[in-house]
Protein backbone atom coordinates (compact mmCIF):
# COMPACT_ATOMS: atom_id res chain seq x y z
CA MET A 1 103.48 31.95 55.64
CA SER A 2 100.04 30.98 56.89
CA THR A 3 98.55 27.49 56.67
CA LEU A 4 95.93 28.71 54.17
CA GLN A 5 98.58 30.15 51.85
CA ARG A 6 100.66 26.97 52.04
CA GLY A 7 97.58 24.88 51.15
CA ALA A 8 96.74 27.09 48.18
CA ARG A 9 100.34 26.93 46.93
CA LYS A 10 100.34 23.15 47.30
CA ARG A 11 97.13 22.88 45.27
CA ARG A 12 98.63 25.04 42.51
CA THR A 13 101.71 22.87 42.28
CA THR A 14 99.86 19.54 42.48
CA PRO A 15 100.09 17.83 39.05
CA ARG A 16 96.87 17.16 37.20
CA SER A 17 95.43 13.67 37.32
CA ALA A 18 95.65 11.34 34.33
CA ALA A 19 91.88 11.53 33.76
CA SER A 20 91.99 15.33 33.70
CA ARG A 21 94.84 15.34 31.18
CA GLU A 22 92.96 12.85 28.99
CA ASN A 23 89.83 14.98 29.10
CA ARG A 24 91.75 18.10 28.10
CA ALA A 25 93.50 16.23 25.27
CA GLY A 26 90.22 14.81 24.01
CA LEU A 27 88.64 18.26 24.08
CA ALA A 28 91.57 19.66 22.13
CA PHE A 29 91.17 16.97 19.45
CA VAL A 30 87.38 17.33 19.20
CA THR A 31 87.22 21.14 19.12
CA PRO A 32 88.44 21.65 15.51
CA THR A 33 85.97 19.06 14.22
CA PHE A 34 83.14 20.62 16.21
CA LEU A 35 83.96 24.07 14.86
CA VAL A 36 83.94 22.82 11.27
CA VAL A 37 80.62 21.00 11.76
CA PHE A 38 79.14 24.04 13.51
CA VAL A 39 80.12 26.42 10.70
CA VAL A 40 79.44 24.12 7.75
CA VAL A 41 76.37 22.18 8.97
CA ILE A 42 74.67 23.61 12.06
CA LEU A 43 74.72 27.30 11.11
CA PRO A 44 73.30 26.78 7.56
CA ILE A 45 70.54 24.52 8.93
CA ALA A 46 69.63 27.06 11.62
CA TRP A 47 69.62 29.86 9.06
CA THR A 48 67.39 27.83 6.74
CA VAL A 49 64.91 27.23 9.57
CA LEU A 50 64.83 30.95 10.36
CA LEU A 51 64.32 31.91 6.72
CA ALA A 52 61.46 29.41 6.42
CA PHE A 53 59.46 31.53 8.87
CA GLN A 54 60.37 34.89 7.36
CA ASN A 55 59.19 36.87 4.35
CA ALA A 56 62.59 36.68 2.67
CA LYS A 57 63.19 37.58 -0.95
CA LEU A 58 66.52 37.11 -2.67
CA VAL A 59 66.85 40.82 -3.46
CA GLY A 60 66.40 42.10 0.10
CA ILE A 61 67.65 39.11 2.09
CA GLN A 62 70.42 41.18 3.70
CA GLU A 63 67.73 43.25 5.42
CA ASN A 64 66.27 40.25 7.23
CA GLY A 65 67.19 40.02 10.88
CA LEU A 66 66.70 37.28 13.41
CA LEU A 67 63.55 38.78 14.91
CA GLY A 68 61.85 40.53 12.01
CA ARG A 69 59.25 39.83 9.32
CA TRP A 70 58.02 36.53 10.77
CA THR A 71 55.24 34.80 8.83
CA LEU A 72 53.64 31.43 8.11
CA ASP A 73 52.71 32.38 4.56
CA ASN A 74 55.67 30.42 3.22
CA PHE A 75 54.18 27.12 4.35
CA SER A 76 50.70 27.97 3.06
CA GLN A 77 52.32 28.88 -0.24
CA VAL A 78 54.21 25.58 -0.33
CA PHE A 79 51.26 23.35 0.57
CA GLY A 80 48.88 25.33 -1.60
CA SER A 81 51.09 25.51 -4.66
CA PRO A 82 50.01 23.30 -7.56
CA GLY A 83 52.05 20.17 -7.93
CA PHE A 84 53.52 19.97 -4.42
CA TRP A 85 51.79 16.74 -3.39
CA SER A 86 52.39 15.13 -6.77
CA SER A 87 56.08 16.08 -6.56
CA LEU A 88 56.25 14.55 -3.09
CA GLY A 89 54.76 11.33 -4.46
CA THR A 90 57.23 11.43 -7.36
CA THR A 91 60.06 11.87 -4.87
CA LEU A 92 58.96 8.81 -2.89
CA VAL A 93 58.63 6.66 -6.03
CA TYR A 94 62.01 7.85 -7.31
CA THR A 95 63.68 7.27 -3.94
CA VAL A 96 62.27 3.80 -3.32
CA GLY A 97 62.89 2.64 -6.89
CA ALA A 98 66.44 3.96 -7.06
CA THR A 99 67.33 2.64 -3.60
CA ALA A 100 65.97 -0.84 -4.32
CA GLY A 101 67.59 -0.90 -7.76
CA SER A 102 71.05 0.12 -6.52
CA VAL A 103 71.00 -2.41 -3.68
CA VAL A 104 69.78 -5.26 -5.91
CA LEU A 105 72.35 -4.48 -8.61
CA GLY A 106 75.09 -4.23 -5.98
CA LEU A 107 74.05 -7.59 -4.52
CA ILE A 108 74.10 -9.27 -7.94
CA ALA A 109 77.53 -7.82 -8.72
CA ALA A 110 78.89 -8.85 -5.31
CA LEU A 111 77.64 -12.42 -5.72
CA ALA A 112 79.09 -12.62 -9.23
CA LEU A 113 82.55 -11.37 -8.20
CA ARG A 114 82.99 -13.04 -4.82
CA ARG A 115 84.83 -16.07 -6.24
CA PRO A 116 88.35 -15.64 -7.67
CA PHE A 117 88.77 -15.88 -11.42
CA ARG A 118 91.10 -14.47 -14.04
CA GLY A 119 90.61 -10.72 -14.49
CA ARG A 120 88.48 -10.27 -11.38
CA GLY A 121 90.56 -7.33 -10.13
CA ALA A 122 90.15 -5.38 -13.36
CA LEU A 123 86.44 -6.12 -13.43
CA ARG A 124 86.04 -4.93 -9.84
CA ALA A 125 87.79 -1.68 -10.73
CA THR A 126 85.49 -1.25 -13.73
CA MET A 127 82.46 -1.67 -11.48
CA LEU A 128 83.44 1.50 -9.62
CA LEU A 129 83.46 3.74 -12.71
CA PRO A 130 79.80 4.87 -12.50
CA TYR A 131 80.29 5.93 -8.89
CA VAL A 132 83.64 7.73 -9.20
CA ALA A 133 83.02 9.39 -12.57
CA PRO A 134 81.81 13.03 -12.51
CA VAL A 135 78.03 13.24 -12.58
CA VAL A 136 78.12 15.78 -15.41
CA ALA A 137 80.08 13.37 -17.58
CA VAL A 138 77.91 10.31 -16.97
CA ALA A 139 74.69 12.33 -17.36
CA PHE A 140 75.96 13.62 -20.71
CA VAL A 141 76.78 10.07 -21.82
CA TRP A 142 73.27 8.89 -20.93
CA GLU A 143 71.71 11.85 -22.76
CA MET A 144 73.68 11.03 -25.89
CA ALA A 145 72.96 7.31 -25.67
CA LEU A 146 69.21 7.84 -25.22
CA SER A 147 68.85 10.64 -27.74
CA PRO A 148 66.00 9.96 -30.23
CA GLN A 149 68.04 11.55 -33.04
CA TYR A 150 71.49 9.96 -32.78
CA GLY A 151 71.51 7.73 -29.70
CA PHE A 152 72.67 4.16 -30.13
CA VAL A 153 69.86 2.82 -27.90
CA ASN A 154 67.20 3.83 -30.41
CA ASP A 155 69.39 2.65 -33.26
CA TRP A 156 69.70 -0.81 -31.71
CA GLY A 157 66.00 -0.79 -30.93
CA ARG A 158 65.10 -0.25 -34.57
CA ARG A 159 67.61 -2.86 -35.74
CA PHE A 160 67.04 -5.67 -33.27
CA PHE A 161 63.64 -5.04 -31.66
CA GLY A 162 61.68 -3.59 -34.55
CA TRP A 163 60.93 -0.18 -33.10
CA ASP A 164 58.94 1.85 -35.60
CA ASP A 165 59.75 5.26 -34.11
CA PRO A 166 62.57 6.49 -31.88
CA ILE A 167 61.72 6.87 -28.21
CA ALA A 168 62.50 10.06 -26.31
CA PHE A 169 63.34 8.42 -22.98
CA LEU A 170 64.11 11.64 -21.11
CA SER A 171 61.26 13.81 -22.39
CA THR A 172 58.31 11.40 -22.48
CA ARG A 173 56.08 11.62 -19.43
CA SER A 174 53.86 8.67 -20.33
CA TYR A 175 54.54 5.91 -22.87
CA GLU A 176 52.01 3.32 -23.95
CA VAL A 177 53.18 -0.28 -23.76
CA SER A 178 51.39 -3.35 -25.08
CA LEU A 179 51.87 -6.65 -23.27
CA LEU A 180 49.86 -9.81 -23.96
CA GLY A 181 47.12 -7.78 -25.60
CA ALA A 182 46.86 -5.30 -22.71
CA HIS A 183 47.71 -1.63 -23.14
CA PHE A 184 48.94 0.49 -20.28
CA ASP A 185 51.01 3.64 -19.78
CA ILE A 186 54.32 3.78 -17.97
CA PRO A 187 56.12 6.92 -16.64
CA LEU A 188 59.03 6.57 -19.04
CA ALA A 189 61.12 9.59 -18.05
CA LEU A 190 60.76 8.78 -14.34
CA LEU A 191 61.74 5.15 -14.89
CA THR A 192 64.74 6.30 -16.92
CA VAL A 193 66.09 8.56 -14.16
CA ILE A 194 65.45 5.76 -11.64
CA ALA A 195 67.51 3.42 -13.81
CA PHE A 196 70.27 6.04 -14.03
CA GLU A 197 70.31 6.49 -10.27
CA ALA A 198 70.41 2.74 -9.64
CA TRP A 199 73.22 2.29 -12.19
CA ARG A 200 75.24 5.20 -10.87
CA TYR A 201 75.17 4.18 -7.20
CA PHE A 202 75.14 0.39 -7.29
CA PRO A 203 78.96 0.34 -6.79
CA PHE A 204 78.36 1.91 -3.36
CA ALA A 205 76.26 -1.12 -2.36
CA PHE A 206 78.62 -3.46 -4.20
CA LEU A 207 81.59 -2.51 -2.01
CA PHE A 208 79.72 -3.02 1.26
CA LEU A 209 78.10 -6.30 0.24
CA LEU A 210 81.26 -7.76 -1.25
CA ALA A 211 83.20 -7.02 1.94
CA ARG A 212 80.51 -8.77 4.00
CA LEU A 213 80.34 -11.75 1.65
CA GLN A 214 84.06 -12.30 1.88
CA ALA A 215 83.77 -12.35 5.68
CA VAL A 216 81.21 -15.18 5.65
CA PRO A 217 82.94 -18.45 6.65
CA ALA A 218 83.16 -20.88 3.75
CA SER A 219 82.35 -23.72 6.13
CA LEU A 220 78.72 -22.53 6.38
CA GLU A 221 78.09 -22.93 2.67
CA GLU A 222 80.05 -26.17 2.53
CA ALA A 223 77.94 -27.66 5.33
CA ALA A 224 74.73 -26.59 3.59
CA GLU A 225 75.96 -28.06 0.30
CA VAL A 226 76.80 -31.37 2.01
CA ASP A 227 73.27 -31.40 3.43
CA GLY A 228 71.90 -31.17 -0.10
CA ALA A 229 70.90 -27.50 -0.21
CA THR A 230 70.50 -26.00 -3.66
CA VAL A 231 72.11 -22.72 -4.77
CA SER A 232 68.94 -20.75 -4.05
CA GLN A 233 68.53 -22.43 -0.66
CA ARG A 234 72.13 -21.65 0.29
CA PHE A 235 71.55 -18.04 -0.64
CA ARG A 236 68.21 -17.82 1.18
CA HIS A 237 69.19 -19.57 4.41
CA VAL A 238 72.97 -19.01 4.66
CA LEU A 239 74.08 -15.86 2.84
CA LEU A 240 71.01 -13.63 3.07
CA PRO A 241 70.80 -13.68 6.90
CA GLN A 242 74.46 -12.68 7.00
CA LEU A 243 73.82 -9.83 4.57
CA MET A 244 70.61 -8.45 6.07
CA PRO A 245 72.25 -5.96 8.49
CA VAL A 246 74.37 -4.56 5.65
CA ILE A 247 71.39 -4.44 3.28
CA ALA A 248 69.33 -2.60 5.92
CA LEU A 249 72.12 -0.08 6.50
CA LEU A 250 72.60 0.44 2.76
CA SER A 251 68.87 0.92 2.25
CA VAL A 252 68.73 3.63 4.92
CA LEU A 253 71.82 5.43 3.61
CA ARG A 254 70.73 5.30 -0.02
CA PHE A 255 67.19 6.37 0.91
CA ILE A 256 68.51 9.47 2.68
CA MET A 257 70.89 10.34 -0.15
CA THR A 258 68.37 9.77 -2.93
CA PHE A 259 65.49 11.54 -1.18
CA ASN A 260 67.51 14.76 -1.25
CA LYS A 261 69.01 14.16 -4.70
CA PHE A 262 68.97 17.13 -7.04
CA ASP A 263 71.84 17.12 -9.51
CA ASP A 264 71.14 13.83 -11.31
CA ILE A 265 67.53 14.64 -12.20
CA TYR A 266 68.27 18.27 -13.00
CA LEU A 267 71.06 17.33 -15.42
CA LEU A 268 68.98 14.66 -17.18
CA THR A 269 65.50 16.19 -17.39
CA GLY A 270 65.53 19.51 -15.56
CA GLY A 271 62.62 18.22 -13.51
CA GLY A 272 60.30 17.97 -16.50
CA SER A 273 58.29 15.10 -17.99
CA GLY A 274 57.02 13.84 -14.64
CA THR A 275 60.36 13.93 -12.80
CA ASP A 276 59.66 17.04 -10.72
CA VAL A 277 60.97 15.93 -7.33
CA VAL A 278 60.82 18.22 -4.31
CA ALA A 279 64.54 19.06 -4.43
CA VAL A 280 64.11 20.46 -7.95
CA ARG A 281 61.07 22.47 -6.81
CA VAL A 282 63.17 24.03 -4.04
CA TYR A 283 65.69 25.11 -6.66
CA ASP A 284 62.93 26.50 -8.89
CA PHE A 285 61.45 28.50 -6.00
CA LEU A 286 64.86 29.99 -5.35
CA THR A 287 65.98 30.75 -8.91
CA ALA A 288 62.73 31.35 -10.79
CA ARG A 289 60.72 33.14 -8.09
CA PHE A 290 63.64 34.50 -6.04
CA ASP A 291 61.63 33.51 -2.96
CA VAL A 292 64.17 32.41 -0.37
CA GLY A 293 61.56 32.03 2.37
CA ALA A 294 59.33 29.68 0.35
CA ALA A 295 62.33 27.68 -0.83
CA SER A 296 63.53 27.32 2.78
CA ALA A 297 60.05 26.30 3.91
CA GLN A 298 59.88 23.64 1.22
CA ALA A 299 63.32 22.35 2.17
CA LEU A 300 62.22 22.21 5.80
CA VAL A 301 59.10 20.25 4.85
CA LEU A 302 61.29 17.84 2.88
CA ALA A 303 63.52 17.33 5.92
CA VAL A 304 60.53 16.73 8.21
CA VAL A 305 59.06 14.15 5.82
CA LEU A 306 62.41 12.36 5.64
CA ILE A 307 62.74 12.34 9.44
CA ALA A 308 59.21 10.94 9.76
CA LEU A 309 59.89 8.15 7.26
CA LEU A 310 63.13 7.22 9.00
CA GLY A 311 61.31 7.26 12.34
CA VAL A 312 58.76 4.78 10.98
CA TYR A 313 61.57 2.54 9.77
CA PHE A 314 63.48 2.53 13.05
CA ARG A 315 60.27 2.09 15.04
CA PHE A 316 58.76 -0.85 13.16
CA PHE A 317 61.41 -2.48 10.95
CA ALA A 318 64.94 -1.97 12.31
CA LYS A 319 64.45 -4.26 15.32
CA LYS A 320 62.87 -6.95 13.15
CA VAL A 321 65.83 -6.89 10.75
CA GLN A 322 68.26 -7.28 13.66
CA GLU A 323 66.29 -10.22 15.06
CA GLU A 324 66.20 -12.00 11.70
CA SER A 325 69.94 -11.55 11.18
CA ALA A 326 70.85 -12.65 14.70
């Protein structure tokens, strides 16, 4: 046997190094997850991007290939369609209002339930009901409660607040309100769906904030109390800096989730009465016009706007939040 053959045989029989075995094991563990993400996430996104630049109708979508029927008419149709810019503004108002409302409600609930008292466990479990309940069920409950015909909200309003007429909360675009002699209109249906969104998702913020509050050392508050700090001062200078990283993370997560929200608004108002957000318009383009290309283009525009807004946040505000909480 030659020297070259003996060397090759020795290399074949040499055991693999520990680093090589770890790399192969890690690749084996990661591969199933990557395949699932590739099939469920990456492929649909890539297909949506391709359809956004194609003249694709729902009837003949199977005839569209990867390299055929390219066009930019979908984007001109989206930007030129009536109501697109107003729906984008409605989406921003809805997203900011619902995000702020859910975080504020979660913070209030977390502060109220951070100290032990009798029945706290049951009350904590009750707080999670809006978040874990099916959206169809809670939307139906809100529709019944706010109904101008038989809803208890209007009934209580007539009994205790002197309402002359029932209020259609979910079908009134603009409602005139008088305050201190001044009259102004409010977007009632939009405010109602914002309130629903904040109520439904405040338990999400509640869980994060409560966990962070319970990790704050009690000695910090005790020292501030000994120094004569009031309740508001202890919250402002002791608790809030500890909570700011969590609040920033919650705000980003809830902003992303709410910006793409479709089911809540569609179940409550169907996108009518001034609640026509972009996600509902994408659905209307797909189901009413059977225009897959225009719907994909509008979804792509929505994603680009969201990425731009998140880029502004991370560029100008994320570092500042980290410095203040440090």
